[in-house]
Amino acid sequence: MNFQKIPPVESGKLFLDIAFRKAREKGKSKTLKGNWLQIVRQKEALKLDIIKANLYTRLNNILATFPDTNALPDFYIKLMRLTLEFTDFKKSLGAINWAIKKISRFQKTYVSKIIKSKDRDMVKNLSKQFYGRISSVLKQIESNLSYLELCRKIMRSYPDIKDMFTVCIYGFPNVGKSTLLNKMTNTKAEVAAYAFTTKSINVGYLETKDEKIQVIDVPGTLARADRRNDIEMQAELVMKELSNIVVYVFDLSIYCGYSIEKQIELYHKLGEKKKVLIYLSKTDLIDSEIVDNFDYKHYSLEEIKEKIVELAK
């Protein structure tokens, strides 16, 4: 699912302005036949048809372009529950569907009344009633439209996850996860010298002659099981739900701001859940003796790649 392609959700006021303008333009350009009352009826009925069709198309497009949660993989549903108010998202889509039905019903009802009218003023009055009714409908879903636009902006950060062998790069903030992703896959994930640079999930691919392996760089975790924030919970979700292997990044220089003891503690928790490979980052910033005295089996960049390819076969 490519969430980046969901178009912006405009306001109800803009939808109405466009629909009314289209109706006025079409009403002026259309050549109608009959006596004066027939022409008035036809013209007003035509305006209602155009308004209904325009609003129906725009509102239905919102439903069509947002993902069908019944068809999404379980990972995305869990990601949505972490990053959105999922119930409000579903209610907002339901409100759009409600508005479509109401507008269609009003259009059918008022066109029928207009066609039967025998008085010009009554035709005009019915048109005004229709305009008022649909304006009220759009006003009632304004907050839903606004929330769906917020959801769209959040969902744009969702990764396009493939169903394939997957590696998760995991560790504390600022240990060098995104740098490793860039080296492994030639992607260009954002790298900066401060914590929580990665605020969403970055995806790259390790490609060899025979293999294509999905590599995911997740936001840093602070290993707080009882009070993780949304960013940390995304990392945990990817690690648990998607990864076949975890590459755990150690920063022995501790420029990341987290002690080696804390990093080791998190590593042990990971080892209980997944196959874990250790990579040491920022080794150019520390004495080689520190690396040599590190007690845990670790791998160079090339060794990490080779091991991943071997395990993926």
C-alpha atoms as a PDB file:
ATOM      1  CA  MET A   1       0.000   0.000   0.000  1.00  0.00           C
ATOM      2  CA  ASN A   2       1.426   3.334  -1.101  1.00  0.00           C
ATOM      3  CA  PHE A   3       0.036   5.811   1.413  1.00  0.00           C
ATOM      4  CA  GLN A   4       1.895   8.704  -0.232  1.00  0.00           C
ATOM      5  CA  LYS A   5      -0.647   8.719  -3.071  1.00  0.00           C
ATOM      6  CA  ILE A   6      -3.666   9.618  -0.936  1.00  0.00           C
ATOM      7  CA  PRO A   7      -4.750  13.082  -2.186  1.00  0.00           C
ATOM      8  CA  PRO A   8      -5.426  15.994   0.196  1.00  0.00           C
ATOM      9  CA  VAL A   9      -8.858  16.156   1.822  1.00  0.00           C
ATOM     10  CA  GLU A  10     -10.348  19.596   1.199  1.00  0.00           C
ATOM     11  CA  SER A  11     -12.878  21.412   3.358  1.00  0.00           C
ATOM     12  CA  GLY A  12     -16.618  21.041   3.001  1.00  0.00           C
ATOM     13  CA  LYS A  13     -16.885  24.752   2.237  1.00  0.00           C
ATOM     14  CA  LEU A  14     -14.572  24.358  -0.740  1.00  0.00           C
ATOM     15  CA  PHE A  15     -16.575  21.370  -1.981  1.00  0.00           C
ATOM     16  CA  LEU A  16     -19.774  23.448  -1.827  1.00  0.00           C
ATOM     17  CA  ASP A  17     -18.207  26.489  -3.514  1.00  0.00           C
ATOM     18  CA  ILE A  18     -16.987  24.354  -6.414  1.00  0.00           C
ATOM     19  CA  ALA A  19     -20.284  22.481  -6.770  1.00  0.00           C
ATOM     20  CA  PHE A  20     -22.374  25.693  -6.719  1.00  0.00           C
ATOM     21  CA  ARG A  21     -20.086  27.368  -9.244  1.00  0.00           C
ATOM     22  CA  LYS A  22     -20.291  24.404 -11.612  1.00  0.00           C
ATOM     23  CA  ALA A  23     -24.080  24.447 -11.314  1.00  0.00           C
ATOM     24  CA  ARG A  24     -24.280  28.162 -12.123  1.00  0.00           C
ATOM     25  CA  GLU A  25     -21.969  27.817 -15.110  1.00  0.00           C
ATOM     26  CA  LYS A  26     -23.844  24.835 -16.524  1.00  0.00           C
ATOM     27  CA  GLY A  27     -27.216  26.442 -15.892  1.00  0.00           C
ATOM     28  CA  LYS A  28     -26.233  29.483 -17.969  1.00  0.00           C
ATOM     29  CA  SER A  29     -24.749  27.526 -20.838  1.00  0.00           C
ATOM     30  CA  LYS A  30     -27.467  24.877 -21.237  1.00  0.00           C
ATOM     31  CA  THR A  31     -30.118  25.555 -23.936  1.00  0.00           C
ATOM     32  CA  LEU A  32     -33.510  24.368 -22.729  1.00  0.00           C
ATOM     33  CA  LYS A  33     -36.855  24.038 -24.501  1.00  0.00           C
ATOM     34  CA  GLY A  34     -40.455  24.473 -23.417  1.00  0.00           C
ATOM     35  CA  ASN A  35     -42.602  27.189 -21.895  1.00  0.00           C
ATOM     36  CA  TRP A  36     -41.208  29.518 -19.276  1.00  0.00           C
ATOM     37  CA  LEU A  37     -42.281  27.315 -16.329  1.00  0.00           C
ATOM     38  CA  GLN A  38     -40.839  24.185 -17.935  1.00  0.00           C
ATOM     39  CA  ILE A  39     -37.561  25.989 -18.563  1.00  0.00           C
ATOM     40  CA  VAL A  40     -37.394  27.205 -14.933  1.00  0.00           C
ATOM     41  CA  ARG A  41     -38.068  23.674 -13.675  1.00  0.00           C
ATOM     42  CA  GLN A  42     -35.459  22.141 -15.975  1.00  0.00           C
ATOM     43  CA  LYS A  43     -32.844  24.730 -15.118  1.00  0.00           C
ATOM     44  CA  GLU A  44     -33.239  24.366 -11.359  1.00  0.00           C
ATOM     45  CA  ALA A  45     -33.415  20.558 -11.545  1.00  0.00           C
ATOM     46  CA  LEU A  46     -30.257  20.580 -13.661  1.00  0.00           C
ATOM     47  CA  LYS A  47     -28.445  22.659 -11.042  1.00  0.00           C
ATOM     48  CA  LEU A  48     -29.415  20.173  -8.335  1.00  0.00           C
ATOM     49  CA  ASP A  49     -28.216  17.287 -10.503  1.00  0.00           C
ATOM     50  CA  ILE A  50     -24.858  18.962 -11.071  1.00  0.00           C
ATOM     51  CA  ILE A  51     -24.379  19.832  -7.396  1.00  0.00           C
ATOM     52  CA  LYS A  52     -25.222  16.299  -6.335  1.00  0.00           C
ATOM     53  CA  ALA A  53     -22.950  14.718  -8.970  1.00  0.00           C
ATOM     54  CA  ASN A  54     -20.029  16.998  -8.089  1.00  0.00           C
ATOM     55  CA  LEU A  55     -20.292  16.410  -4.346  1.00  0.00           C
ATOM     56  CA  TYR A  56     -20.871  12.689  -4.824  1.00  0.00           C
ATOM     57  CA  THR A  57     -17.720  12.375  -6.933  1.00  0.00           C
ATOM     58  CA  ARG A  58     -15.534  14.331  -4.517  1.00  0.00           C
ATOM     59  CA  LEU A  59     -16.784  12.619  -1.376  1.00  0.00           C
ATOM     60  CA  ASN A  60     -16.729   9.171  -2.924  1.00  0.00           C
ATOM     61  CA  ASN A  61     -13.159   9.801  -4.050  1.00  0.00           C
ATOM     62  CA  ILE A  62     -12.183  10.230  -0.390  1.00  0.00           C
ATOM     63  CA  LEU A  63     -13.608   6.799   0.426  1.00  0.00           C
ATOM     64  CA  ALA A  64     -11.919   5.265  -2.616  1.00  0.00           C
ATOM     65  CA  THR A  65      -8.443   6.674  -1.972  1.00  0.00           C
ATOM     66  CA  PHE A  66      -8.164   5.900   1.730  1.00  0.00           C
ATOM     67  CA  PRO A  67      -7.228   2.273   2.387  1.00  0.00           C
ATOM     68  CA  ASP A  68      -9.896  -0.332   3.059  1.00  0.00           C
ATOM     69  CA  THR A  69      -9.043  -1.438   6.594  1.00  0.00           C
ATOM     70  CA  ASN A  70     -10.706  -4.801   5.964  1.00  0.00           C
ATOM     71  CA  ALA A  71      -8.144  -5.523   3.238  1.00  0.00           C
ATOM     72  CA  LEU A  72      -5.007  -4.135   4.897  1.00  0.00           C
ATOM     73  CA  PRO A  73      -2.349  -6.451   6.346  1.00  0.00           C
ATOM     74  CA  ASP A  74      -2.481  -6.756  10.118  1.00  0.00           C
ATOM     75  CA  PHE A  75       0.778  -4.802  10.465  1.00  0.00           C
ATOM     76  CA  TYR A  76      -0.773  -1.658   8.981  1.00  0.00           C
ATOM     77  CA  ILE A  77      -3.860  -1.936  11.180  1.00  0.00           C
ATOM     78  CA  LYS A  78      -1.620  -2.084  14.243  1.00  0.00           C
ATOM     79  CA  LEU A  79       0.451   0.834  12.933  1.00  0.00           C
ATOM     80  CA  MET A  80      -2.721   2.872  12.418  1.00  0.00           C
ATOM     81  CA  ARG A  81      -3.851   2.091  15.956  1.00  0.00           C
ATOM     82  CA  LEU A  82      -0.502   3.381  17.220  1.00  0.00           C
ATOM     83  CA  THR A  83      -0.431   6.604  15.217  1.00  0.00           C
ATOM     84  CA  LEU A  84      -4.107   7.531  14.748  1.00  0.00           C
ATOM     85  CA  GLU A  85      -7.282   7.561  16.768  1.00  0.00           C
ATOM     86  CA  PHE A  86      -8.434   4.489  14.863  1.00  0.00           C
ATOM     87  CA  THR A  87     -12.055   4.701  16.014  1.00  0.00           C
ATOM     88  CA  ASP A  88     -12.272   8.348  14.952  1.00  0.00           C
ATOM     89  CA  PHE A  89     -10.734   7.452  11.580  1.00  0.00           C
ATOM     90  CA  LYS A  90     -13.400   4.785  10.979  1.00  0.00           C
ATOM     91  CA  LYS A  91     -16.159   7.122  12.185  1.00  0.00           C
ATOM     92  CA  SER A  92     -14.961   9.873   9.858  1.00  0.00           C
ATOM     93  CA  LEU A  93     -15.099   7.556   6.842  1.00  0.00           C
ATOM     94  CA  GLY A  94     -18.554   6.497   7.984  1.00  0.00           C
ATOM     95  CA  ALA A  95     -19.609  10.155   8.168  1.00  0.00           C
ATOM     96  CA  ILE A  96     -18.511  10.698   4.553  1.00  0.00           C
ATOM     97  CA  ASN A  97     -20.585   7.714   3.467  1.00  0.00           C
ATOM     98  CA  TRP A  98     -23.539   9.100   5.434  1.00  0.00           C
ATOM     99  CA  ALA A  99     -23.184  12.480   3.695  1.00  0.00           C
ATOM    100  CA  ILE A 100     -23.132  10.866   0.239  1.00  0.00           C
ATOM    101  CA  LYS A 101     -26.394   9.060   0.967  1.00  0.00           C
ATOM    102  CA  LYS A 102     -28.059  12.171   2.409  1.00  0.00           C
ATOM    103  CA  ILE A 103     -27.085  14.354  -0.552  1.00  0.00           C
ATOM    104  CA  SER A 104     -28.345  11.733  -3.028  1.00  0.00           C
ATOM    105  CA  ARG A 105     -31.635  11.427  -1.142  1.00  0.00           C
ATOM    106  CA  PHE A 106     -32.123  15.210  -0.963  1.00  0.00           C
ATOM    107  CA  GLN A 107     -31.378  15.579  -4.671  1.00  0.00           C
ATOM    108  CA  LYS A 108     -33.915  12.930  -5.639  1.00  0.00           C
ATOM    109  CA  THR A 109     -36.573  14.380  -3.321  1.00  0.00           C
ATOM    110  CA  TYR A 110     -36.201  18.006  -4.358  1.00  0.00           C
ATOM    111  CA  VAL A 111     -35.894  17.361  -8.086  1.00  0.00           C
ATOM    112  CA  SER A 112     -39.165  15.426  -7.882  1.00  0.00           C
ATOM    113  CA  LYS A 113     -40.833  18.338  -6.057  1.00  0.00           C
ATOM    114  CA  ILE A 114     -39.457  20.895  -8.519  1.00  0.00           C
ATOM    115  CA  ILE A 115     -40.717  18.961 -11.562  1.00  0.00           C
ATOM    116  CA  LYS A 116     -44.204  18.895 -10.028  1.00  0.00           C
ATOM    117  CA  SER A 117     -44.233  22.583  -9.040  1.00  0.00           C
ATOM    118  CA  LYS A 118     -46.649  24.910 -10.774  1.00  0.00           C
ATOM    119  CA  ASP A 119     -45.230  28.172  -9.490  1.00  0.00           C
ATOM    120  CA  ARG A 120     -41.920  29.887 -10.248  1.00  0.00           C
ATOM    121  CA  ASP A 121     -41.452  31.121  -6.684  1.00  0.00           C
ATOM    122  CA  MET A 122     -42.080  27.627  -5.339  1.00  0.00           C
ATOM    123  CA  VAL A 123     -39.376  26.239  -7.666  1.00  0.00           C
ATOM    124  CA  LYS A 124     -36.890  28.845  -6.412  1.00  0.00           C
ATOM    125  CA  ASN A 125     -37.862  28.210  -2.821  1.00  0.00           C
ATOM    126  CA  LEU A 126     -37.361  24.457  -3.210  1.00  0.00           C
ATOM    127  CA  SER A 127     -33.922  25.046  -4.708  1.00  0.00           C
ATOM    128  CA  LYS A 128     -32.982  27.214  -1.739  1.00  0.00           C
ATOM    129  CA  GLN A 129     -34.210  24.514   0.640  1.00  0.00           C
ATOM    130  CA  PHE A 130     -32.017  21.971  -1.154  1.00  0.00           C
ATOM    131  CA  TYR A 131     -28.987  24.250  -0.953  1.00  0.00           C
ATOM    132  CA  GLY A 132     -29.598  24.759   2.756  1.00  0.00           C
ATOM    133  CA  ARG A 133     -29.996  21.052   3.419  1.00  0.00           C
ATOM    134  CA  ILE A 134     -26.784  19.980   1.688  1.00  0.00           C
ATOM    135  CA  SER A 135     -24.882  22.914   3.196  1.00  0.00           C
ATOM    136  CA  SER A 136     -25.973  21.630   6.592  1.00  0.00           C
ATOM    137  CA  VAL A 137     -24.804  18.111   5.692  1.00  0.00           C
ATOM    138  CA  LEU A 138     -21.353  19.359   4.682  1.00  0.00           C
ATOM    139  CA  LYS A 139     -21.151  21.471   7.822  1.00  0.00           C
ATOM    140  CA  GLN A 140     -21.893  18.402   9.948  1.00  0.00           C
ATOM    141  CA  ILE A 141     -18.969  16.463   8.452  1.00  0.00           C
ATOM    142  CA  GLU A 142     -16.481  19.354   8.467  1.00  0.00           C
ATOM    143  CA  SER A 143     -14.672  17.993  11.530  1.00  0.00           C
ATOM    144  CA  ASN A 144     -14.533  14.556   9.894  1.00  0.00           C
ATOM    145  CA  LEU A 145     -12.976  15.994   6.761  1.00  0.00           C
ATOM    146  CA  SER A 146     -10.415  17.848   8.883  1.00  0.00           C
ATOM    147  CA  TYR A 147      -9.556  14.692  10.809  1.00  0.00           C
ATOM    148  CA  LEU A 148      -9.150  12.652   7.620  1.00  0.00           C
ATOM    149  CA  GLU A 149      -6.731  15.276   6.313  1.00  0.00           C
ATOM    150  CA  LEU A 150      -4.727  14.932   9.530  1.00  0.00           C
ATOM    151  CA  CYS A 151      -4.784  11.144   9.108  1.00  0.00           C
ATOM    152  CA  ARG A 152      -3.597  11.506   5.525  1.00  0.00           C
ATOM    153  CA  LYS A 153      -0.589  13.550   6.629  1.00  0.00           C
ATOM    154  CA  ILE A 154       0.307  10.980   9.293  1.00  0.00           C
ATOM    155  CA  MET A 155      -0.175   8.064   6.926  1.00  0.00           C
ATOM    156  CA  ARG A 156       2.162   9.621   4.375  1.00  0.00           C
ATOM    157  CA  SER A 157       4.993   8.604   6.714  1.00  0.00           C
ATOM    158  CA  TYR A 158       3.974   4.924   6.592  1.00  0.00           C
ATOM    159  CA  PRO A 159       6.440   2.702   4.771  1.00  0.00           C
ATOM    160  CA  ASP A 160       5.580   0.671   1.706  1.00  0.00           C
ATOM    161  CA  ILE A 161       6.234  -2.735   3.272  1.00  0.00           C
ATOM    162  CA  LYS A 162       6.679  -5.760   1.024  1.00  0.00           C
ATOM    163  CA  ASP A 163       5.910  -9.361   1.943  1.00  0.00           C
ATOM    164  CA  MET A 164       9.495 -10.634   1.838  1.00  0.00           C
ATOM    165  CA  PHE A 165      12.457 -11.583   4.034  1.00  0.00           C
ATOM    166  CA  THR A 166      12.955  -8.612   6.346  1.00  0.00           C
ATOM    167  CA  VAL A 167      15.773  -7.253   8.494  1.00  0.00           C
ATOM    168  CA  CYS A 168      15.056  -4.748  11.281  1.00  0.00           C
ATOM    169  CA  ILE A 169      17.824  -2.341  12.336  1.00  0.00           C
ATOM    170  CA  TYR A 170      17.215  -1.715  16.023  1.00  0.00           C
ATOM    171  CA  GLY A 171      18.759   0.157  18.944  1.00  0.00           C
ATOM    172  CA  PHE A 172      18.760   3.293  21.060  1.00  0.00           C
ATOM    173  CA  PRO A 173      18.317   6.731  19.443  1.00  0.00           C
ATOM    174  CA  ASN A 174      21.355   8.202  17.676  1.00  0.00           C
ATOM    175  CA  VAL A 175      23.438   5.004  17.752  1.00  0.00           C
ATOM    176  CA  GLY A 176      23.785   5.010  13.954  1.00  0.00           C
ATOM    177  CA  LYS A 177      20.884   2.946  12.655  1.00  0.00           C
ATOM    178  CA  SER A 178      20.057   5.195   9.704  1.00  0.00           C
ATOM    179  CA  THR A 179      23.732   5.413   8.750  1.00  0.00           C
ATOM    180  CA  LEU A 180      23.866   1.613   8.680  1.00  0.00           C
ATOM    181  CA  LEU A 181      20.736   1.463   6.519  1.00  0.00           C
ATOM    182  CA  ASN A 182      22.316   3.889   4.069  1.00  0.00           C
ATOM    183  CA  LYS A 183      25.513   1.810   3.897  1.00  0.00           C
ATOM    184  CA  MET A 184      23.689  -1.485   3.499  1.00  0.00           C
ATOM    185  CA  THR A 185      21.140  -0.436   0.900  1.00  0.00           C
ATOM    186  CA  ASN A 186      22.387   2.808  -0.696  1.00  0.00           C
ATOM    187  CA  THR A 187      19.287   4.652   0.497  1.00  0.00           C
ATOM    188  CA  LYS A 188      19.308   8.202   1.864  1.00  0.00           C
ATOM    189  CA  ALA A 189      17.604   8.079   5.247  1.00  0.00           C
ATOM    190  CA  GLU A 190      17.964  11.282   7.282  1.00  0.00           C
ATOM    191  CA  VAL A 191      20.988  11.327   9.576  1.00  0.00           C
ATOM    192  CA  ALA A 192      21.718  13.988  12.196  1.00  0.00           C
ATOM    193  CA  ALA A 193      23.660  14.345  15.443  1.00  0.00           C
ATOM    194  CA  TYR A 194      20.719  14.350  17.827  1.00  0.00           C
ATOM    195  CA  ALA A 195      18.376  11.779  19.291  1.00  0.00           C
ATOM    196  CA  PHE A 196      15.217  10.591  17.552  1.00  0.00           C
ATOM    197  CA  THR A 197      16.343  11.742  14.112  1.00  0.00           C
ATOM    198  CA  THR A 198      14.282   8.867  12.719  1.00  0.00           C
ATOM    199  CA  LYS A 199      10.667   9.709  13.488  1.00  0.00           C
ATOM    200  CA  SER A 200       9.130   7.212  11.106  1.00  0.00           C
ATOM    201  CA  ILE A 201      10.060   3.938   9.460  1.00  0.00           C
ATOM    202  CA  ASN A 202      12.654   3.963   6.664  1.00  0.00           C
ATOM    203  CA  VAL A 203      12.888   1.118   4.163  1.00  0.00           C
ATOM    204  CA  GLY A 204      15.680   0.048   1.851  1.00  0.00           C
ATOM    205  CA  TYR A 205      16.656  -3.100  -0.022  1.00  0.00           C
ATOM    206  CA  LEU A 206      19.802  -5.170   0.148  1.00  0.00           C
ATOM    207  CA  GLU A 207      20.238  -6.582  -3.328  1.00  0.00           C
ATOM    208  CA  THR A 208      22.609  -9.299  -4.432  1.00  0.00           C
ATOM    209  CA  LYS A 209      22.770 -11.383  -7.584  1.00  0.00           C
ATOM    210  CA  ASP A 210      20.187 -13.829  -6.260  1.00  0.00           C
ATOM    211  CA  GLU A 211      18.457 -12.066  -3.386  1.00  0.00           C
ATOM    212  CA  LYS A 212      16.452  -8.954  -2.599  1.00  0.00           C
ATOM    213  CA  ILE A 213      16.040  -8.393   1.130  1.00  0.00           C
ATOM    214  CA  GLN A 214      13.935  -5.729   2.829  1.00  0.00           C
ATOM    215  CA  VAL A 215      15.839  -3.707   5.421  1.00  0.00           C
ATOM    216  CA  ILE A 216      13.884  -1.501   7.823  1.00  0.00           C
ATOM    217  CA  ASP A 217      15.392   1.267   9.961  1.00  0.00           C
ATOM    218  CA  VAL A 218      13.053   1.982  12.850  1.00  0.00           C
ATOM    219  CA  PRO A 219      12.884   4.880  15.320  1.00  0.00           C
ATOM    220  CA  GLY A 220      15.121   4.562  18.359  1.00  0.00           C
ATOM    221  CA  THR A 221      13.776   2.980  21.503  1.00  0.00           C
ATOM    222  CA  LEU A 222      14.484   3.940  25.111  1.00  0.00           C
ATOM    223  CA  ALA A 223      13.604   0.447  26.364  1.00  0.00           C
ATOM    224  CA  ARG A 224      10.770   1.694  28.567  1.00  0.00           C
ATOM    225  CA  ALA A 225       8.234  -1.108  28.445  1.00  0.00           C
ATOM    226  CA  ASP A 226       5.767   0.754  30.662  1.00  0.00           C
ATOM    227  CA  ARG A 227       5.781   4.154  28.949  1.00  0.00           C
ATOM    228  CA  ARG A 228       6.937   3.992  25.345  1.00  0.00           C
ATOM    229  CA  ASN A 229       5.891   6.856  23.124  1.00  0.00           C
ATOM    230  CA  ASP A 230       4.287   6.359  19.704  1.00  0.00           C
ATOM    231  CA  ILE A 231       7.638   6.498  17.912  1.00  0.00           C
ATOM    232  CA  GLU A 232       9.128   3.772  20.112  1.00  0.00           C
ATOM    233  CA  MET A 233       6.040   1.598  19.747  1.00  0.00           C
ATOM    234  CA  GLN A 234       6.413   1.744  15.952  1.00  0.00           C
ATOM    235  CA  ALA A 235       9.923   0.338  16.339  1.00  0.00           C
ATOM    236  CA  GLU A 236       8.660  -2.442  18.586  1.00  0.00           C
ATOM    237  CA  LEU A 237       5.866  -3.252  16.137  1.00  0.00           C
ATOM    238  CA  VAL A 238       8.242  -3.637  13.190  1.00  0.00           C
ATOM    239  CA  MET A 239      10.665  -5.726  15.220  1.00  0.00           C
ATOM    240  CA  LYS A 240       7.960  -8.102  16.458  1.00  0.00           C
ATOM    241  CA  GLU A 241       5.660  -8.306  13.446  1.00  0.00           C
ATOM    242  CA  LEU A 242       7.882  -8.018  10.378  1.00  0.00           C
ATOM    243  CA  SER A 243      11.498  -8.896  11.068  1.00  0.00           C
ATOM    244  CA  ASN A 244      13.100 -12.244  10.353  1.00  0.00           C
ATOM    245  CA  ILE A 245      16.421 -10.950  11.681  1.00  0.00           C
ATOM    246  CA  VAL A 246      17.322  -8.020  13.915  1.00  0.00           C
ATOM    247  CA  VAL A 247      20.576  -6.114  13.471  1.00  0.00           C
ATOM    248  CA  TYR A 248      21.240  -4.515  16.839  1.00  0.00           C
ATOM    249  CA  VAL A 249      23.453  -1.429  16.660  1.00  0.00           C
ATOM    250  CA  PHE A 250      25.858  -0.810  19.540  1.00  0.00           C
ATOM    251  CA  ASP A 251      27.517   2.592  20.020  1.00  0.00           C
ATOM    252  CA  LEU A 252      30.558   1.861  22.192  1.00  0.00           C
ATOM    253  CA  SER A 253      31.601   5.519  21.966  1.00  0.00           C
ATOM    254  CA  ILE A 254      28.372   6.323  23.895  1.00  0.00           C
ATOM    255  CA  TYR A 255      28.089   9.575  21.935  1.00  0.00           C
ATOM    256  CA  CYS A 256      24.487   8.496  21.572  1.00  0.00           C
ATOM    257  CA  GLY A 257      24.017   9.365  25.243  1.00  0.00           C
ATOM    258  CA  TYR A 258      23.249   5.859  26.485  1.00  0.00           C
ATOM    259  CA  SER A 259      25.638   3.732  28.506  1.00  0.00           C
ATOM    260  CA  ILE A 260      27.024   0.457  27.228  1.00  0.00           C
ATOM    261  CA  GLU A 261      25.297  -1.266  30.158  1.00  0.00           C
ATOM    262  CA  LYS A 262      21.898   0.049  29.026  1.00  0.00           C
ATOM    263  CA  GLN A 263      22.589  -0.988  25.448  1.00  0.00           C
ATOM    264  CA  ILE A 264      23.548  -4.487  26.610  1.00  0.00           C
ATOM    265  CA  GLU A 265      20.389  -4.709  28.715  1.00  0.00           C
ATOM    266  CA  LEU A 266      18.206  -3.977  25.671  1.00  0.00           C
ATOM    267  CA  TYR A 267      20.213  -6.443  23.578  1.00  0.00           C
ATOM    268  CA  HIS A 268      19.482  -9.262  26.028  1.00  0.00           C
ATOM    269  CA  LYS A 269      15.769  -8.513  25.852  1.00  0.00           C
ATOM    270  CA  LEU A 270      15.902  -8.751  22.067  1.00  0.00           C
ATOM    271  CA  GLY A 271      17.738 -12.048  22.068  1.00  0.00           C
ATOM    272  CA  GLU A 272      14.752 -13.650  23.734  1.00  0.00           C
ATOM    273  CA  LYS A 273      12.518 -12.842  20.766  1.00  0.00           C
ATOM    274  CA  LYS A 274      14.527 -12.848  17.521  1.00  0.00           C
ATOM    275  CA  LYS A 275      17.723 -13.893  15.784  1.00  0.00           C
ATOM    276  CA  VAL A 276      20.018 -10.944  16.520  1.00  0.00           C
ATOM    277  CA  LEU A 277      23.247  -9.842  14.819  1.00  0.00           C
ATOM    278  CA  ILE A 278      25.391  -7.165  16.469  1.00  0.00           C
ATOM    279  CA  TYR A 279      26.910  -4.285  14.533  1.00  0.00           C
ATOM    280  CA  LEU A 280      29.294  -1.779  16.140  1.00  0.00           C
ATOM    281  CA  SER A 281      28.873   1.780  14.926  1.00  0.00           C
ATOM    282  CA  LYS A 282      31.185   4.810  15.237  1.00  0.00           C
ATOM    283  CA  THR A 283      34.271   2.617  15.730  1.00  0.00           C
ATOM    284  CA  ASP A 284      36.344   5.342  14.106  1.00  0.00           C
ATOM    285  CA  LEU A 285      35.645   7.498  17.178  1.00  0.00           C
ATOM    286  CA  ILE A 286      37.036   5.089  19.772  1.00  0.00           C
ATOM    287  CA  ASP A 287      40.244   3.276  20.574  1.00  0.00           C
ATOM    288  CA  SER A 288      40.552  -0.158  18.910  1.00  0.00           C
ATOM    289  CA  GLU A 289      41.203  -1.676  22.344  1.00  0.00           C
ATOM    290  CA  ILE A 290      37.602  -0.910  23.344  1.00  0.00           C
ATOM    291  CA  VAL A 291      36.369  -2.859  20.346  1.00  0.00           C
ATOM    292  CA  ASP A 292      38.767  -5.750  21.011  1.00  0.00           C
ATOM    293  CA  ASN A 293      37.602  -6.009  24.632  1.00  0.00           C
ATOM    294  CA  PHE A 294      33.915  -6.058  23.752  1.00  0.00           C
ATOM    295  CA  ASP A 295      32.626  -9.434  24.928  1.00  0.00           C
ATOM    296  CA  TYR A 296      29.801  -9.940  22.453  1.00  0.00           C
ATOM    297  CA  LYS A 297      30.097 -11.497  18.999  1.00  0.00           C
ATOM    298  CA  HIS A 298      29.780  -8.750  16.400  1.00  0.00           C
ATOM    299  CA  TYR A 299      30.120  -8.370  12.664  1.00  0.00           C
ATOM    300  CA  SER A 300      31.557  -5.887  10.198  1.00  0.00           C
ATOM    301  CA  LEU A 301      29.310  -4.333   7.549  1.00  0.00           C
ATOM    302  CA  GLU A 302      30.323  -6.881   4.920  1.00  0.00           C
ATOM    303  CA  GLU A 303      29.953  -9.759   7.364  1.00  0.00           C
ATOM    304  CA  ILE A 304      26.492  -8.515   8.326  1.00  0.00           C
ATOM    305  CA  LYS A 305      25.476  -8.504   4.659  1.00  0.00           C
ATOM    306  CA  GLU A 306      26.854 -11.990   4.074  1.00  0.00           C
ATOM    307  CA  LYS A 307      25.164 -13.371   7.167  1.00  0.00           C
ATOM    308  CA  ILE A 308      21.813 -11.853   6.208  1.00  0.00           C
ATOM    309  CA  VAL A 309      21.968 -13.273   2.684  1.00  0.00           C
ATOM    310  CA  GLU A 310      22.913 -16.671   4.074  1.00  0.00           C
ATOM    311  CA  LEU A 311      19.992 -16.675   6.522  1.00  0.00           C
ATOM    312  CA  ALA A 312      17.552 -15.461   3.855  1.00  0.00           C
ATOM    313  CA  LYS A 313      18.164 -18.499   1.603  1.00  0.00           C
END
